[in-house]
Structures are given as structure tokens and as C-alpha cells.
Amino acid sequence: MPPLTTHPTLGDIGRALAAWAPPGSAQSYDNVGLQVGDPSRTVERALIALDMTPAVLAEARQREATLIVTHHPLLFSPLRTLTSDGFVSNLALRLAEAGIALYSIHTNLDAASGGVSFALADLLGLQDVRFLDAFPDATRKVTALVTERHVDALREALRDNGHVVIYEAPAVIRPGMETPADTHVRLEVEVPQWDVDAVVRTLQTVPSGADLRYDIYPVAQPYTGAGLGAIGRLAASMPLSAFLAHVAERLTAGSLRYVGDPDSPVETVAVCGGSGSSFTRKALRSGADAYVTADVTYHKFFEVLDADGRPRMALIDPGHYETEAFTEGLLQDWLRRRFPTVGWHCTATRTSPIDTFVPPR
């Protein structure tokens, strides 16, 4: 995307974010995208925060920002009323009254290459980083039967929209099919399931009229262009005791909950920003020496123990906010590069409502 010389609209910003982290890659329970605001409004100043809070709103008003971008959505489920009662409803009403838009990019950013878990891996100094868990059933194959005279136009239209033809050959006409007037060509494109509608729209723009036919098939292989969590390795092995200190320092964590042998070596590390305890067994199977994530329940810690109660892998929970707070800087850097005419500011507010009490010894 060439640098903009004018101020972008909310729609421009939303489309750019959706190209990086497609909303279709978000988890089914999630609610991402523009939550409050008019897509046609231009943006000169914006504030970025992990969470939407009253303090963030006050800071946005002070900075005269017309957009707040958060990682965690304010609106997870539909509101029955928009009133001053309740935390969520009150904030949504105040945003609307102030004319400040809210855009949230949550589990779709978790799933993106270079997204939250990749940034966490980078912060911890991991190398050769890849997804911990690719999307197993997300690949689709779209096959199109198009007249030969329209193949070049279709191929170019698909390429312009970021879709690559992986197979092309003369079409075999099935017995009983009416013989077409033109020679046909079969094209195949593999895409994640959330891109299927875009491919179909592209197919429908090609002026092949009634001759265009297409089919959509699931592919029995994972889609590796998106996933959840990440795994990599440290530049040099270190004992778990030293790695715990490293994690606490890099994530500015006041405390860590963990299971593990302090003397065990750590080199291969799996991570998942936020609530990633459901991938604990995946991290174990991936050969990680340690797994860093958050919101680990008491019984989840038992999953890393062997039959004799010894830890097979270290499981480390620095806290939800601590494993995602850097997302503010991640979004700021990404948005500044693409929309340099906007003043992008990270909030000065620590949005987590949780404090840690460490009694004096």
C-alpha cells in the first residue's frame, strides 16, 4: 500500500487490518471489527489500548482522538439496551455520544502471522518461530470451469486479489454434459475458508456469462497461513530458574505461577498470548521444554506431570495482561507504517483491573 498523503477513513483502516488479520479467522465466540462508529469518517488521531475502559475513553478525549483501537472487544454479545447502566453499555453510549469510534482486533490478530503470539515469542527472544497449532480444517479448494477466452482475465483478477492459481488444465467434459460452444479450462485455487466468498466474487466479475461454473471442496490438510500460539527456540539453553527470571523481566510481571523443575534446561519454548491453556497438551506433543501462556486453572497444571508426578514440561502463567500488553506497541508500529498521516498513540493507562499482592518476607 503506498503511503497516504491524506487522512484515511475508518473504513480504510478497517480494510487494512482485515487484510492482515481476516475477521473470518477469529474464534466463533468472538466479536471483532468496527464496534462503534461510521466507516466513512476520517481519522486524524487515534488511541490504542489492550482494553476499553473509562480511563482510556478519558485519555482519548484529552488527545482529541476520534478512534480507539483495542485488542479485547468491548461488545462481546448483543446489548439489549444502550443506557448509562452497566460497564459495557455505559462505555458504548459514552463513545457514541463523544463521536469516538471503537475498532477491536482480537482472536483474528491472535491467529495472524506476525500477530500476538509471534510478538510474544519475539519479546522472549525466540528464533525460528512457527505456529504452535495450525487451523486443521480451514483449507478450501475452489475449482472454476471457464471458457478459454476468459482465462487470462480471470487469472489476473484472482492475482490482483491475492489468490494464486495452483492448477490449470483443459477441462474434461463429463458424459451427458451439454457440449459448450467454447473450449473450457479448469482452474484451481486453494484458500482459507474465510476467503472463499472473495474468490467467488472474483469469479463472478469475469465476463464469462452462463459459461462460468465453480465448485468448492474441503481439503484434508491444515491451513498453515494462520494458527494459534507459536513455538521457537532460545539462542542458548538456560535452566528453568533463569528462564523464569527472563520471562518476568521481559513481560514486566510482578509474579509467575508455574510448574517445573528449576534445574531443567529450557531451549524450545511454546507461547500463546492470553488464555492459551487449552493448547497445553499441544505444546507437550510439540516437544517444548516450557510453555508460556495465561489463565491456567489449578487442574491444568497437573496435565504436564508424568505418572510419578514429575513435570514433563514447564508450564508458566505470568498473567493475561502481561502476555498481551505489548499488543499495543505491535498495533502502533503496524498502523504507523501504513497510515503515517494519523497520530497513533498507545494508552498511558494500564488497563488491567488486577493487582498482585506480594507479602513482605
Protein backbone atom coordinates (compact mmCIF):
# COMPACT_ATOMS: atom_id res chain seq x y z
CA MET A 1 0.00 0.00 0.00
CA PRO A 2 1.55 3.39 -0.99
CA PRO A 3 1.86 5.99 1.79
CA LEU A 4 -1.25 8.12 2.21
CA THR A 5 -1.00 11.89 1.96
CA THR A 6 -4.50 12.48 3.30
CA HIS A 7 -6.27 11.21 6.39
CA PRO A 8 -7.79 7.74 5.98
CA THR A 9 -11.34 6.83 6.86
CA LEU A 10 -12.36 4.27 9.44
CA GLY A 11 -13.25 2.03 6.51
CA ASP A 12 -9.72 2.36 5.06
CA ILE A 13 -8.18 1.40 8.40
CA GLY A 14 -10.61 -1.46 8.93
CA ARG A 15 -9.91 -2.93 5.49
CA ALA A 16 -6.16 -2.80 6.07
CA LEU A 17 -6.46 -4.52 9.46
CA ALA A 18 -8.80 -7.13 7.98
CA ALA A 19 -6.27 -7.91 5.24
CA TRP A 20 -3.65 -8.64 7.92
CA ALA A 21 -5.98 -10.43 10.34
CA PRO A 22 -9.12 -11.59 8.47
CA PRO A 23 -12.23 -11.41 10.68
CA GLY A 24 -13.15 -14.89 9.41
CA SER A 25 -10.13 -16.30 11.23
CA ALA A 26 -11.50 -15.14 14.60
CA GLN A 27 -12.89 -17.72 17.01
CA SER A 28 -16.62 -18.38 16.82
CA TYR A 29 -17.34 -16.75 20.18
CA ASP A 30 -15.51 -13.55 19.27
CA ASN A 31 -16.79 -10.19 18.01
CA VAL A 32 -14.21 -8.27 16.00
CA GLY A 33 -14.14 -5.27 13.70
CA LEU A 34 -15.78 -1.85 13.94
CA GLN A 35 -17.88 -1.86 17.11
CA VAL A 36 -18.86 1.80 17.30
CA GLY A 37 -18.60 4.42 14.55
CA ASP A 38 -19.21 5.46 10.96
CA PRO A 39 -16.83 3.85 8.41
CA SER A 40 -16.91 6.99 6.24
CA ARG A 41 -15.44 9.27 8.93
CA THR A 42 -11.82 10.33 8.58
CA VAL A 43 -9.25 9.73 11.34
CA GLU A 44 -6.50 12.20 12.33
CA ARG A 45 -5.66 10.93 15.83
CA ALA A 46 -6.21 7.52 17.39
CA LEU A 47 -5.52 5.77 20.69
CA ILE A 48 -4.50 2.11 21.04
CA ALA A 49 -5.23 0.05 24.17
CA LEU A 50 -5.48 -3.57 25.20
CA ASP A 51 -8.90 -2.98 26.79
CA MET A 52 -11.64 -0.38 26.54
CA THR A 53 -12.01 1.34 29.93
CA PRO A 54 -13.33 4.67 31.23
CA ALA A 55 -9.74 5.86 31.71
CA VAL A 56 -8.94 5.03 28.07
CA LEU A 57 -12.01 6.97 26.94
CA ALA A 58 -10.96 9.97 29.05
CA GLU A 59 -7.47 9.82 27.54
CA ALA A 60 -8.90 9.64 24.01
CA ARG A 61 -10.99 12.74 24.66
CA GLN A 62 -7.97 14.55 26.08
CA ARG A 63 -5.95 13.70 22.96
CA GLU A 64 -8.92 14.61 20.70
CA ALA A 65 -8.74 11.12 19.19
CA THR A 66 -11.67 10.04 17.04
CA LEU A 67 -10.76 6.34 17.08
CA ILE A 68 -9.79 3.82 19.75
CA VAL A 69 -8.31 0.50 18.63
CA THR A 70 -8.40 -2.26 21.24
CA HIS A 71 -7.34 -5.89 21.27
CA HIS A 72 -10.15 -7.05 23.55
CA PRO A 73 -13.64 -6.21 22.26
CA LEU A 74 -15.95 -4.14 24.42
CA LEU A 75 -19.04 -5.71 22.81
CA PHE A 76 -18.82 -9.49 23.06
CA SER A 77 -22.55 -10.14 22.97
CA PRO A 78 -25.53 -8.05 21.79
CA LEU A 79 -26.75 -5.29 24.07
CA ARG A 80 -30.47 -5.23 24.88
CA THR A 81 -30.30 -1.54 25.76
CA LEU A 82 -27.82 1.30 25.29
CA THR A 83 -28.04 3.18 28.57
CA SER A 84 -25.76 4.51 31.28
CA ASP A 85 -26.36 1.38 33.38
CA GLY A 86 -23.62 -1.25 33.42
CA PHE A 87 -19.96 -1.11 32.47
CA VAL A 88 -20.27 -2.13 28.79
CA SER A 89 -23.48 -0.26 27.96
CA ASN A 90 -22.26 2.89 29.67
CA LEU A 91 -18.97 2.91 27.76
CA ALA A 92 -20.66 2.19 24.41
CA LEU A 93 -23.11 5.05 25.00
CA ARG A 94 -20.33 7.45 26.01
CA LEU A 95 -18.29 6.53 22.92
CA ALA A 96 -21.26 7.23 20.66
CA GLU A 97 -22.07 10.50 22.40
CA ALA A 98 -18.43 11.63 22.12
CA GLY A 99 -18.24 10.70 18.44
CA ILE A 100 -15.31 8.34 19.11
CA ALA A 101 -15.16 5.11 17.11
CA LEU A 102 -14.09 1.76 18.54
CA TYR A 103 -12.40 -0.98 16.48
CA SER A 104 -11.39 -4.30 18.04
CA ILE A 105 -8.96 -6.85 16.61
CA HIS A 106 -8.88 -9.86 18.91
CA THR A 107 -8.57 -13.58 18.13
CA ASN A 108 -8.09 -12.79 14.44
CA LEU A 109 -4.89 -10.96 15.47
CA ASP A 110 -4.01 -13.93 17.69
CA ALA A 111 -4.30 -16.12 14.58
CA ALA A 112 -2.31 -13.88 12.21
CA SER A 113 1.27 -14.45 11.17
CA GLY A 114 3.23 -11.74 12.97
CA GLY A 115 0.33 -11.37 15.40
CA VAL A 116 0.13 -11.57 19.18
CA SER A 117 1.86 -14.90 19.83
CA PHE A 118 4.61 -14.18 17.30
CA ALA A 119 5.23 -10.83 19.02
CA LEU A 120 5.33 -12.61 22.40
CA ALA A 121 7.86 -15.08 21.01
CA ASP A 122 9.97 -12.21 19.71
CA LEU A 123 9.80 -10.43 23.07
CA LEU A 124 11.13 -13.57 24.76
CA GLY A 125 13.95 -13.86 22.22
CA LEU A 126 12.76 -16.97 20.37
CA GLN A 127 14.13 -17.90 16.95
CA ASP A 128 12.76 -20.00 14.06
CA VAL A 129 9.22 -19.23 15.22
CA ARG A 130 6.24 -21.04 13.70
CA PHE A 131 2.60 -21.59 14.63
CA LEU A 132 2.02 -23.96 17.54
CA ASP A 133 -1.37 -25.05 16.18
CA ALA A 134 -2.35 -24.51 12.54
CA PHE A 135 -6.03 -24.44 11.60
CA PRO A 136 -6.69 -28.12 10.81
CA ASP A 137 -9.87 -27.89 8.71
CA ALA A 138 -9.67 -24.42 7.23
CA THR A 139 -8.34 -25.06 3.71
CA ARG A 140 -10.75 -24.98 0.77
CA LYS A 141 -10.22 -25.64 -2.93
CA VAL A 142 -12.25 -23.58 -5.38
CA THR A 143 -12.34 -25.02 -8.89
CA ALA A 144 -13.67 -22.99 -11.80
CA LEU A 145 -14.61 -24.11 -15.29
CA VAL A 146 -14.19 -21.09 -17.53
CA THR A 147 -14.10 -20.53 -21.25
CA GLU A 148 -10.58 -20.37 -22.67
CA ARG A 149 -11.02 -16.81 -23.93
CA HIS A 150 -11.67 -15.61 -20.37
CA VAL A 151 -8.85 -17.48 -18.60
CA ASP A 152 -6.31 -14.64 -18.72
CA ALA A 153 -8.80 -12.13 -17.30
CA LEU A 154 -9.79 -14.49 -14.50
CA ARG A 155 -6.21 -15.38 -13.60
CA GLU A 156 -5.28 -11.68 -13.45
CA ALA A 157 -8.35 -10.80 -11.36
CA LEU A 158 -7.54 -13.56 -8.88
CA ARG A 159 -3.90 -12.45 -8.65
CA ASP A 160 -4.93 -8.82 -8.06
CA ASN A 161 -6.96 -10.02 -5.06
CA GLY A 162 -4.10 -12.07 -3.62
CA HIS A 163 -5.23 -15.51 -4.85
CA VAL A 164 -2.87 -17.75 -6.81
CA VAL A 165 -3.99 -20.37 -9.34
CA ILE A 166 -2.33 -23.64 -8.28
CA TYR A 167 -3.57 -25.80 -11.17
CA GLU A 168 -4.72 -25.13 -14.72
CA ALA A 169 -5.58 -27.63 -17.44
CA PRO A 170 -8.03 -28.20 -20.30
CA ALA A 171 -11.39 -29.20 -18.88
CA VAL A 172 -12.73 -32.70 -19.33
CA ILE A 173 -16.41 -32.57 -20.22
CA ARG A 174 -18.36 -35.22 -18.35
CA PRO A 175 -20.59 -37.58 -20.32
CA GLY A 176 -24.08 -36.20 -20.57
CA MET A 177 -22.94 -32.59 -20.15
CA GLU A 178 -24.06 -30.39 -22.98
CA THR A 179 -21.02 -29.65 -25.16
CA PRO A 180 -20.16 -25.96 -24.77
CA ALA A 181 -19.55 -23.74 -27.74
CA ASP A 182 -16.09 -22.77 -26.45
CA THR A 183 -13.13 -24.75 -25.18
CA HIS A 184 -13.07 -24.73 -21.38
CA VAL A 185 -10.21 -24.60 -18.89
CA ARG A 186 -10.25 -25.82 -15.28
CA LEU A 187 -8.58 -23.56 -12.72
CA GLU A 188 -7.96 -24.42 -9.07
CA VAL A 189 -7.29 -22.05 -6.16
CA GLU A 190 -6.57 -23.07 -2.55
CA VAL A 191 -7.62 -20.55 0.09
CA PRO A 192 -8.59 -20.45 3.76
CA GLN A 193 -12.32 -20.86 4.32
CA TRP A 194 -12.76 -17.17 5.15
CA ASP A 195 -11.51 -16.20 1.67
CA VAL A 196 -13.94 -18.41 -0.28
CA ASP A 197 -16.57 -15.68 -0.68
CA ALA A 198 -13.93 -13.28 -2.01
CA VAL A 199 -12.80 -15.83 -4.61
CA VAL A 200 -16.39 -16.44 -5.70
CA ARG A 201 -16.96 -12.69 -6.05
CA THR A 202 -13.84 -12.50 -8.24
CA LEU A 203 -15.10 -15.36 -10.39
CA GLN A 204 -18.40 -13.60 -10.87
CA THR A 205 -16.71 -10.44 -12.15
CA VAL A 206 -15.23 -12.28 -15.14
CA PRO A 207 -17.43 -11.72 -18.20
CA SER A 208 -17.95 -15.40 -18.92
CA GLY A 209 -21.71 -15.25 -18.53
CA ALA A 210 -23.56 -18.55 -18.25
CA ASP A 211 -20.40 -20.48 -19.12
CA LEU A 212 -18.87 -19.94 -15.64
CA ARG A 213 -19.12 -22.95 -13.32
CA TYR A 214 -17.38 -23.42 -9.98
CA ASP A 215 -17.24 -25.89 -7.09
CA ILE A 216 -15.90 -25.65 -3.53
CA TYR A 217 -14.24 -28.60 -1.76
CA PRO A 218 -12.72 -29.09 1.70
CA VAL A 219 -9.04 -30.04 1.62
CA ALA A 220 -7.71 -32.68 4.03
CA GLN A 221 -4.70 -30.68 5.15
CA PRO A 222 -4.24 -27.85 7.65
CA TYR A 223 -4.07 -24.22 6.61
CA THR A 224 -0.64 -23.01 7.67
CA GLY A 225 -1.07 -19.31 6.88
CA ALA A 226 -2.84 -18.76 10.20
CA GLY A 227 -2.95 -20.53 13.54
CA LEU A 228 -2.87 -20.11 17.30
CA GLY A 229 0.11 -19.95 19.60
CA ALA A 230 3.74 -20.08 18.49
CA ILE A 231 6.82 -22.19 19.14
CA GLY A 232 10.52 -21.46 18.69
CA ARG A 233 13.84 -21.84 20.42
CA LEU A 234 16.12 -19.71 22.54
CA ALA A 235 19.54 -18.76 21.19
CA ALA A 236 21.06 -20.77 24.03
CA SER A 237 19.68 -23.19 26.56
CA MET A 238 19.22 -21.98 30.14
CA PRO A 239 17.92 -23.57 33.35
CA LEU A 240 14.27 -23.02 34.11
CA SER A 241 15.15 -20.84 37.10
CA ALA A 242 16.95 -18.41 34.78
CA PHE A 243 14.18 -18.61 32.18
CA LEU A 244 11.57 -17.70 34.81
CA ALA A 245 13.57 -14.57 35.68
CA HIS A 246 13.87 -13.81 31.95
CA VAL A 247 10.10 -14.11 31.42
CA ALA A 248 9.31 -11.94 34.45
CA GLU A 249 11.75 -9.26 33.29
CA ARG A 250 10.67 -9.20 29.63
CA LEU A 251 6.95 -9.18 30.45
CA THR A 252 7.22 -6.86 33.46
CA ALA A 253 5.39 -9.47 35.51
CA GLY A 254 5.22 -9.00 39.27
CA SER A 255 4.81 -12.72 39.82
CA LEU A 256 4.67 -16.01 37.91
CA ARG A 257 2.67 -19.16 38.59
CA TYR A 258 4.46 -22.21 37.25
CA VAL A 259 5.08 -25.92 37.35
CA GLY A 260 8.57 -27.19 36.54
CA ASP A 261 11.96 -28.30 37.79
CA PRO A 262 14.08 -25.15 38.34
CA ASP A 263 17.19 -27.04 37.21
CA SER A 264 15.73 -28.46 33.99
CA PRO A 265 17.13 -26.99 30.72
CA VAL A 266 14.91 -24.79 28.58
CA GLU A 267 15.58 -24.26 24.89
CA THR A 268 12.39 -24.97 22.93
CA VAL A 269 9.59 -22.69 24.10
CA ALA A 270 5.90 -22.56 23.17
CA VAL A 271 3.85 -19.42 23.82
CA CYS A 272 0.28 -18.21 23.48
CA GLY A 273 -0.73 -14.70 24.43
CA GLY A 274 -3.80 -14.54 26.65
CA SER A 275 -5.91 -17.59 27.51
CA GLY A 276 -3.99 -20.45 25.93
CA SER A 277 -4.20 -23.26 28.48
CA SER A 278 -6.25 -25.36 26.02
CA PHE A 279 -3.03 -25.79 23.99
CA THR A 280 -1.02 -27.25 26.89
CA ARG A 281 -1.10 -30.79 25.51
CA LYS A 282 -0.28 -29.47 22.03
CA ALA A 283 2.79 -27.76 23.50
CA LEU A 284 3.78 -31.04 25.17
CA ARG A 285 3.41 -33.00 21.93
CA SER A 286 5.42 -30.35 20.09
CA GLY A 287 8.46 -31.06 22.27
CA ALA A 288 8.51 -27.75 24.13
CA ASP A 289 10.62 -27.52 27.27
CA ALA A 290 8.39 -24.71 28.54
CA TYR A 291 5.01 -23.24 27.66
CA VAL A 292 4.19 -19.60 28.50
CA THR A 293 0.53 -18.59 28.49
CA ALA A 294 -2.13 -17.24 30.85
CA ASP A 295 -5.37 -18.02 32.69
CA VAL A 296 -4.15 -21.50 33.61
CA THR A 297 -6.53 -23.14 36.07
CA TYR A 298 -5.34 -25.24 39.01
CA HIS A 299 -6.13 -28.60 37.42
CA LYS A 300 -4.50 -27.64 34.10
CA PHE A 301 -1.12 -27.57 35.84
CA PHE A 302 -1.48 -31.30 36.51
CA GLU A 303 -1.55 -32.02 32.75
CA VAL A 304 2.22 -31.54 32.45
CA LEU A 305 3.07 -34.11 35.14
CA ASP A 306 4.09 -37.68 34.35
CA ALA A 307 2.84 -40.81 36.13
CA ASP A 308 5.25 -40.18 39.00
CA GLY A 309 4.24 -36.53 39.40
CA ARG A 310 7.35 -35.10 37.74
CA PRO A 311 6.93 -32.23 35.25
CA ARG A 312 7.45 -33.25 31.64
CA MET A 313 7.42 -29.58 30.61
CA ALA A 314 7.41 -26.29 32.47
CA LEU A 315 4.05 -24.50 32.39
CA ILE A 316 4.31 -20.79 33.16
CA ASP A 317 1.48 -18.28 33.72
CA PRO A 318 2.66 -14.64 34.01
CA GLY A 319 -0.92 -13.26 33.72
CA HIS A 320 -3.30 -12.39 30.88
CA TYR A 321 -2.44 -8.70 30.70
CA GLU A 322 1.28 -9.40 30.95
CA THR A 323 1.24 -11.81 27.97
CA GLU A 324 -0.62 -9.31 25.76
CA ALA A 325 0.20 -5.76 26.89
CA PHE A 326 2.84 -5.44 24.13
CA THR A 327 0.00 -5.76 21.58
CA GLU A 328 -0.50 -2.01 21.93
CA GLY A 329 3.01 -1.38 20.55
CA LEU A 330 2.57 -4.09 17.91
CA LEU A 331 -0.54 -2.37 16.55
CA GLN A 332 1.01 1.09 16.80
CA ASP A 333 4.05 0.09 14.72
CA TRP A 334 1.92 -1.68 12.11
CA LEU A 335 -0.60 1.16 11.77
CA ARG A 336 2.05 3.90 11.70
CA ARG A 337 3.73 2.28 8.71
CA ARG A 338 0.51 2.07 6.75
CA PHE A 339 -1.21 5.29 7.83
CA PRO A 340 1.56 7.79 8.61
CA THR A 341 -0.78 10.80 8.48
CA VAL A 342 -2.61 9.58 11.59
CA GLY A 343 -1.28 10.29 15.06
CA TRP A 344 -1.19 6.82 16.63
CA HIS A 345 -0.77 6.81 20.42
CA CYS A 346 -0.54 3.91 22.86
CA THR A 347 -2.51 4.49 26.03
CA ALA A 348 -0.64 5.64 29.12
CA THR A 349 -3.14 3.64 31.18
CA ARG A 350 -2.55 0.13 32.49
CA THR A 351 -5.92 -1.31 31.54
CA SER A 352 -5.78 -4.48 33.65
CA PRO A 353 -8.09 -4.29 36.68
CA ILE A 354 -5.92 -6.86 38.51
CA ASP A 355 -3.24 -6.07 41.07
CA THR A 356 -0.82 -8.58 42.59
CA PHE A 357 -0.17 -8.62 46.32
CA VAL A 358 3.24 -9.98 47.34
CA PRO A 359 3.56 -10.08 51.14
CA PRO A 360 6.87 -8.87 52.58
CA ARG A 361 9.24 -11.58 53.74
